[in-house]
Amino acid sequence: MVPEVGKSVYVQSFKHDGSLHRTWCRAFVIEADEKHYVAVTHRAWVIESDGRKWLTREPAICFYYTDRWYNVITMIRHSGVYYYCNLASPSLYDGEAIKNIDYDLDVKLYPDGGYKLLDENEYADHAKKMNYPKEVMEIVEKQMDLLVNDQMANFKDPFNQECIDKYFEKYRTMTAHLKRRHYDDIL
C-alpha cells in the first residue's frame, strides 16, 4: 500500500519501545511508489511525545524510503537547503500514516556542504535502555556510513539542488492546481 499522490497524510515516528516520538499532522504527498514516498510539510503542526506543539515555518520536502534505514527532511530556507537525516527503520504506510522507528542518530547537512553528526549520546543511552538488538545497531551504523560517505559525499538524490528544485516545482504545480480547482468549485 502506498499513500495517494495529491493527498495529505500523517507522519508518525516511534521509538524502539513502541512509544510515540513525534507526529506531523499534515504531509502532502507528491510522489509515492513501492520504494519511497515524497511528501511536503509546510505550515504543518508537529506534536512531540511530551505534548509540545509547534508549526513548521518553511516548506520541507521529506523523503521516506521503504528499503533504507533513514529518511531525509530538506528544509528550504532563504539561505539555502538544509538536510536533516534521521537514522530510522524503513518507512511504511498503513492507510493513515507514514510510520517509522527513530533510532536517535541524525545528520545535519548544511548548504555549504559541511555536516554534523547529532545525538550520538542519546543513541548510546537508548540502545542500553531499550535493548537495541545488535543486528539493528549494525544496520543503523552501516546506514549512517553509507549516508555520509556515499549518498551525501557524491551528491546523490536527494542531496543536490537539481533534485530539490524538481520536487519543489512539482509541489508548487500540484498545489496551484488544487487551489484553482477549489476556486472553481466555489464558483
C-alpha atoms as a PDB file:
ATOM      1  CA  MET A   1       0.000   0.000   0.000  1.00  0.00           C
ATOM      2  CA  VAL A   2       1.292   3.462  -0.890  1.00  0.00           C
ATOM      3  CA  PRO A   3      -0.117   6.881   0.033  1.00  0.00           C
ATOM      4  CA  GLU A   4      -2.202   8.600  -2.624  1.00  0.00           C
ATOM      5  CA  VAL A   5      -0.419  11.344  -4.531  1.00  0.00           C
ATOM      6  CA  GLY A   6      -2.145  14.712  -4.079  1.00  0.00           C
ATOM      7  CA  LYS A   7      -3.497  13.834  -0.624  1.00  0.00           C
ATOM      8  CA  SER A   8      -2.290  14.679   2.861  1.00  0.00           C
ATOM      9  CA  VAL A   9      -1.281  12.047   5.395  1.00  0.00           C
ATOM     10  CA  TYR A  10       0.022  11.940   8.942  1.00  0.00           C
ATOM     11  CA  VAL A  11       3.651  11.064   9.615  1.00  0.00           C
ATOM     12  CA  GLN A  12       4.376   9.217  12.851  1.00  0.00           C
ATOM     13  CA  SER A  13       7.765   8.440  14.296  1.00  0.00           C
ATOM     14  CA  PHE A  14       8.030   5.911  17.130  1.00  0.00           C
ATOM     15  CA  LYS A  15      10.830   4.794  19.421  1.00  0.00           C
ATOM     16  CA  HIS A  16      12.127   1.230  19.572  1.00  0.00           C
ATOM     17  CA  ASP A  17       9.994   0.516  22.666  1.00  0.00           C
ATOM     18  CA  GLY A  18       6.819   1.391  20.723  1.00  0.00           C
ATOM     19  CA  SER A  19       6.248   4.806  22.286  1.00  0.00           C
ATOM     20  CA  LEU A  20       5.198   7.649  20.008  1.00  0.00           C
ATOM     21  CA  HIS A  21       8.100  10.026  19.394  1.00  0.00           C
ATOM     22  CA  ARG A  22       6.707  12.714  17.058  1.00  0.00           C
ATOM     23  CA  THR A  23       3.719  13.282  14.739  1.00  0.00           C
ATOM     24  CA  TRP A  24       3.383  15.590  11.750  1.00  0.00           C
ATOM     25  CA  CYS A  25      -0.311  16.353  11.302  1.00  0.00           C
ATOM     26  CA  ARG A  26      -0.088  17.007   7.570  1.00  0.00           C
ATOM     27  CA  ALA A  27       2.291  15.927   4.848  1.00  0.00           C
ATOM     28  CA  PHE A  28       1.207  16.495   1.235  1.00  0.00           C
ATOM     29  CA  VAL A  29       2.212  13.502  -0.895  1.00  0.00           C
ATOM     30  CA  ILE A  30       3.795  14.461  -4.237  1.00  0.00           C
ATOM     31  CA  GLU A  31       5.231  11.071  -5.225  1.00  0.00           C
ATOM     32  CA  ALA A  32       4.796   7.527  -3.970  1.00  0.00           C
ATOM     33  CA  ASP A  33       5.760   4.062  -5.129  1.00  0.00           C
ATOM     34  CA  GLU A  34       6.882   0.777  -3.578  1.00  0.00           C
ATOM     35  CA  LYS A  35      10.389   2.132  -2.801  1.00  0.00           C
ATOM     36  CA  HIS A  36       9.745   5.638  -1.475  1.00  0.00           C
ATOM     37  CA  TYR A  37       7.259   8.336  -0.535  1.00  0.00           C
ATOM     38  CA  VAL A  38       7.963  12.022  -1.096  1.00  0.00           C
ATOM     39  CA  ALA A  39       5.833  14.474   0.863  1.00  0.00           C
ATOM     40  CA  VAL A  40       5.956  18.178   1.668  1.00  0.00           C
ATOM     41  CA  THR A  41       5.286  19.681   5.065  1.00  0.00           C
ATOM     42  CA  HIS A  42       4.582  23.394   5.151  1.00  0.00           C
ATOM     43  CA  ARG A  43       2.821  25.114   7.994  1.00  0.00           C
ATOM     44  CA  ALA A  44       2.147  21.678   9.460  1.00  0.00           C
ATOM     45  CA  TRP A  45       1.619  21.085  13.176  1.00  0.00           C
ATOM     46  CA  VAL A  46       4.173  18.833  14.800  1.00  0.00           C
ATOM     47  CA  ILE A  47       3.351  17.205  18.130  1.00  0.00           C
ATOM     48  CA  GLU A  48       6.206  15.957  20.319  1.00  0.00           C
ATOM     49  CA  SER A  49       5.963  12.987  22.683  1.00  0.00           C
ATOM     50  CA  ASP A  50       5.758  15.347  25.673  1.00  0.00           C
ATOM     51  CA  GLY A  51       2.722  17.115  24.149  1.00  0.00           C
ATOM     52  CA  ARG A  52       4.536  20.216  22.907  1.00  0.00           C
ATOM     53  CA  LYS A  53       3.208  21.507  19.579  1.00  0.00           C
ATOM     54  CA  TRP A  54       4.925  23.653  17.014  1.00  0.00           C
ATOM     55  CA  LEU A  55       4.223  24.792  13.465  1.00  0.00           C
ATOM     56  CA  THR A  56       6.746  24.200  10.678  1.00  0.00           C
ATOM     57  CA  ARG A  57       7.872  27.531   9.251  1.00  0.00           C
ATOM     58  CA  GLU A  58       9.377  26.718   5.893  1.00  0.00           C
ATOM     59  CA  PRO A  59       8.486  24.153   3.267  1.00  0.00           C
ATOM     60  CA  ALA A  60      10.280  20.853   3.745  1.00  0.00           C
ATOM     61  CA  ILE A  61      10.473  18.091   1.175  1.00  0.00           C
ATOM     62  CA  CYS A  62      10.544  14.784   3.033  1.00  0.00           C
ATOM     63  CA  PHE A  63      11.896  11.547   1.577  1.00  0.00           C
ATOM     64  CA  TYR A  64      10.753   8.322   3.236  1.00  0.00           C
ATOM     65  CA  TYR A  65      12.233   5.063   1.981  1.00  0.00           C
ATOM     66  CA  THR A  66      10.758   1.584   2.318  1.00  0.00           C
ATOM     67  CA  ASP A  67      14.153  -0.101   1.895  1.00  0.00           C
ATOM     68  CA  ARG A  68      16.597   2.267   3.633  1.00  0.00           C
ATOM     69  CA  TRP A  69      17.247   2.826   7.319  1.00  0.00           C
ATOM     70  CA  TYR A  70      16.975   6.603   7.163  1.00  0.00           C
ATOM     71  CA  ASN A  71      14.700   9.376   5.983  1.00  0.00           C
ATOM     72  CA  VAL A  72      15.625  12.845   4.777  1.00  0.00           C
ATOM     73  CA  ILE A  73      13.906  16.136   5.515  1.00  0.00           C
ATOM     74  CA  THR A  74      15.052  19.003   3.300  1.00  0.00           C
ATOM     75  CA  MET A  75      14.266  22.427   4.719  1.00  0.00           C
ATOM     76  CA  ILE A  76      14.094  25.115   2.061  1.00  0.00           C
ATOM     77  CA  ARG A  77      15.277  28.410   3.507  1.00  0.00           C
ATOM     78  CA  HIS A  78      16.378  31.728   2.033  1.00  0.00           C
ATOM     79  CA  SER A  79      19.973  30.879   2.968  1.00  0.00           C
ATOM     80  CA  GLY A  80      19.828  27.547   1.126  1.00  0.00           C
ATOM     81  CA  VAL A  81      18.694  23.958   1.536  1.00  0.00           C
ATOM     82  CA  TYR A  82      19.393  22.252   4.860  1.00  0.00           C
ATOM     83  CA  TYR A  83      19.128  18.469   5.065  1.00  0.00           C
ATOM     84  CA  TYR A  84      18.125  16.727   8.272  1.00  0.00           C
ATOM     85  CA  CYS A  85      18.640  12.971   8.070  1.00  0.00           C
ATOM     86  CA  ASN A  86      17.064  10.694  10.650  1.00  0.00           C
ATOM     87  CA  LEU A  87      18.501   7.215  11.096  1.00  0.00           C
ATOM     88  CA  ALA A  88      15.302   5.218  11.334  1.00  0.00           C
ATOM     89  CA  SER A  89      13.719   1.972  10.262  1.00  0.00           C
ATOM     90  CA  PRO A  90      12.408   1.732   6.719  1.00  0.00           C
ATOM     91  CA  SER A  91       9.107   3.616   6.451  1.00  0.00           C
ATOM     92  CA  LEU A  92       5.740   2.049   5.799  1.00  0.00           C
ATOM     93  CA  TYR A  93       2.306   3.418   5.006  1.00  0.00           C
ATOM     94  CA  ASP A  94      -0.687   1.788   6.726  1.00  0.00           C
ATOM     95  CA  GLY A  95      -3.532   3.702   5.066  1.00  0.00           C
ATOM     96  CA  GLU A  96      -3.445   6.554   7.561  1.00  0.00           C
ATOM     97  CA  ALA A  97       0.163   7.496   8.270  1.00  0.00           C
ATOM     98  CA  ILE A  98       3.723   7.092   7.090  1.00  0.00           C
ATOM     99  CA  LYS A  99       5.432   5.371  10.031  1.00  0.00           C
ATOM    100  CA  ASN A 100       8.955   4.501  11.126  1.00  0.00           C
ATOM    101  CA  ILE A 101      11.054   3.839  14.214  1.00  0.00           C
ATOM    102  CA  ASP A 102      13.511   6.600  15.065  1.00  0.00           C
ATOM    103  CA  TYR A 103      16.950   5.356  16.122  1.00  0.00           C
ATOM    104  CA  ASP A 104      18.164   8.668  17.542  1.00  0.00           C
ATOM    105  CA  LEU A 105      21.202   9.312  15.320  1.00  0.00           C
ATOM    106  CA  ASP A 106      20.838  12.256  12.968  1.00  0.00           C
ATOM    107  CA  VAL A 107      22.991  14.015  10.405  1.00  0.00           C
ATOM    108  CA  LYS A 108      22.537  17.660   9.508  1.00  0.00           C
ATOM    109  CA  LEU A 109      23.947  18.740   6.135  1.00  0.00           C
ATOM    110  CA  TYR A 110      24.423  22.459   5.587  1.00  0.00           C
ATOM    111  CA  PRO A 111      24.194  24.411   2.297  1.00  0.00           C
ATOM    112  CA  ASP A 112      27.999  24.835   2.272  1.00  0.00           C
ATOM    113  CA  GLY A 113      28.477  21.033   2.258  1.00  0.00           C
ATOM    114  CA  GLY A 114      29.543  20.745   5.890  1.00  0.00           C
ATOM    115  CA  TYR A 115      27.729  18.263   8.077  1.00  0.00           C
ATOM    116  CA  LYS A 116      27.300  17.458  11.738  1.00  0.00           C
ATOM    117  CA  LEU A 117      26.519  14.140  13.449  1.00  0.00           C
ATOM    118  CA  LEU A 118      23.884  14.600  16.133  1.00  0.00           C
ATOM    119  CA  ASP A 119      22.546  12.712  19.152  1.00  0.00           C
ATOM    120  CA  GLU A 120      25.298  10.107  19.495  1.00  0.00           C
ATOM    121  CA  ASN A 121      24.911  10.149  23.301  1.00  0.00           C
ATOM    122  CA  GLU A 122      21.142   9.713  23.009  1.00  0.00           C
ATOM    123  CA  TYR A 123      21.693   6.735  20.683  1.00  0.00           C
ATOM    124  CA  ALA A 124      24.089   5.063  23.155  1.00  0.00           C
ATOM    125  CA  ASP A 125      21.729   5.745  26.062  1.00  0.00           C
ATOM    126  CA  HIS A 126      18.612   4.473  24.281  1.00  0.00           C
ATOM    127  CA  ALA A 127      20.472   1.427  22.924  1.00  0.00           C
ATOM    128  CA  LYS A 128      21.029   0.351  26.546  1.00  0.00           C
ATOM    129  CA  LYS A 129      17.633   1.420  27.933  1.00  0.00           C
ATOM    130  CA  MET A 130      15.577  -0.061  25.082  1.00  0.00           C
ATOM    131  CA  ASN A 131      17.820  -3.049  24.348  1.00  0.00           C
ATOM    132  CA  TYR A 132      18.506  -2.319  20.701  1.00  0.00           C
ATOM    133  CA  PRO A 133      19.386  -5.649  19.102  1.00  0.00           C
ATOM    134  CA  LYS A 134      22.980  -5.927  17.915  1.00  0.00           C
ATOM    135  CA  GLU A 135      21.751  -6.547  14.337  1.00  0.00           C
ATOM    136  CA  VAL A 136      19.713  -3.307  14.375  1.00  0.00           C
ATOM    137  CA  MET A 137      22.676  -1.317  15.693  1.00  0.00           C
ATOM    138  CA  GLU A 138      24.926  -2.735  12.972  1.00  0.00           C
ATOM    139  CA  ILE A 139      22.395  -1.803  10.288  1.00  0.00           C
ATOM    140  CA  VAL A 140      21.904   1.727  11.672  1.00  0.00           C
ATOM    141  CA  GLU A 141      25.645   2.345  11.884  1.00  0.00           C
ATOM    142  CA  LYS A 142      26.301   0.981   8.377  1.00  0.00           C
ATOM    143  CA  GLN A 143      23.458   3.101   7.005  1.00  0.00           C
ATOM    144  CA  MET A 144      24.942   6.187   8.712  1.00  0.00           C
ATOM    145  CA  ASP A 145      28.270   5.477   6.994  1.00  0.00           C
ATOM    146  CA  LEU A 146      26.557   4.933   3.628  1.00  0.00           C
ATOM    147  CA  LEU A 147      24.521   8.117   4.059  1.00  0.00           C
ATOM    148  CA  VAL A 148      27.536  10.329   4.844  1.00  0.00           C
ATOM    149  CA  ASN A 149      30.300   8.722   2.769  1.00  0.00           C
ATOM    150  CA  ASP A 150      28.311   7.769  -0.324  1.00  0.00           C
ATOM    151  CA  GLN A 151      24.921   9.466  -0.661  1.00  0.00           C
ATOM    152  CA  MET A 152      25.909  12.905   0.664  1.00  0.00           C
ATOM    153  CA  ALA A 153      29.555  12.867  -0.473  1.00  0.00           C
ATOM    154  CA  ASN A 154      28.540  12.033  -4.048  1.00  0.00           C
ATOM    155  CA  PHE A 155      25.529  14.377  -4.161  1.00  0.00           C
ATOM    156  CA  LYS A 156      23.134  11.516  -4.906  1.00  0.00           C
ATOM    157  CA  ASP A 157      19.423  12.304  -4.841  1.00  0.00           C
ATOM    158  CA  PRO A 158      18.112  14.000  -2.826  1.00  0.00           C
ATOM    159  CA  PHE A 159      21.428  15.629  -1.867  1.00  0.00           C
ATOM    160  CA  ASN A 160      21.645  18.010  -4.793  1.00  0.00           C
ATOM    161  CA  GLN A 161      19.932  21.234  -5.802  1.00  0.00           C
ATOM    162  CA  GLU A 162      18.576  19.819  -9.062  1.00  0.00           C
ATOM    163  CA  CYS A 163      16.610  17.136  -7.224  1.00  0.00           C
ATOM    164  CA  ILE A 164      15.184  19.580  -4.680  1.00  0.00           C
ATOM    165  CA  ASP A 165      14.248  22.090  -7.408  1.00  0.00           C
ATOM    166  CA  LYS A 166      12.431  19.334  -9.329  1.00  0.00           C
ATOM    167  CA  TYR A 167      10.346  18.254  -6.326  1.00  0.00           C
ATOM    168  CA  PHE A 168       9.659  21.801  -5.141  1.00  0.00           C
ATOM    169  CA  GLU A 169       8.394  22.741  -8.608  1.00  0.00           C
ATOM    170  CA  LYS A 170       6.245  19.610  -8.637  1.00  0.00           C
ATOM    171  CA  TYR A 171       4.778  20.618  -5.263  1.00  0.00           C
ATOM    172  CA  ARG A 172       4.104  24.193  -6.427  1.00  0.00           C
ATOM    173  CA  THR A 173       2.418  22.970  -9.615  1.00  0.00           C
ATOM    174  CA  MET A 174       0.261  20.455  -7.754  1.00  0.00           C
ATOM    175  CA  THR A 175      -0.864  22.880  -5.055  1.00  0.00           C
ATOM    176  CA  ALA A 176      -1.547  25.663  -7.592  1.00  0.00           C
ATOM    177  CA  HIS A 177      -3.770  23.222  -9.490  1.00  0.00           C
ATOM    178  CA  LEU A 178      -5.598  22.298  -6.267  1.00  0.00           C
ATOM    179  CA  LYS A 179      -6.156  25.962  -5.400  1.00  0.00           C
ATOM    180  CA  ARG A 180      -7.557  26.651  -8.869  1.00  0.00           C
ATOM    181  CA  ARG A 181      -9.825  23.606  -8.642  1.00  0.00           C
ATOM    182  CA  HIS A 182     -11.054  24.694  -5.193  1.00  0.00           C
ATOM    183  CA  TYR A 183     -11.754  28.195  -6.513  1.00  0.00           C
ATOM    184  CA  ASP A 184     -13.629  26.758  -9.500  1.00  0.00           C
ATOM    185  CA  ASP A 185     -15.736  24.603  -7.148  1.00  0.00           C
ATOM    186  CA  ILE A 186     -16.754  27.703  -5.176  1.00  0.00           C
ATOM    187  CA  LEU A 187     -17.927  29.490  -8.328  1.00  0.00           C
END
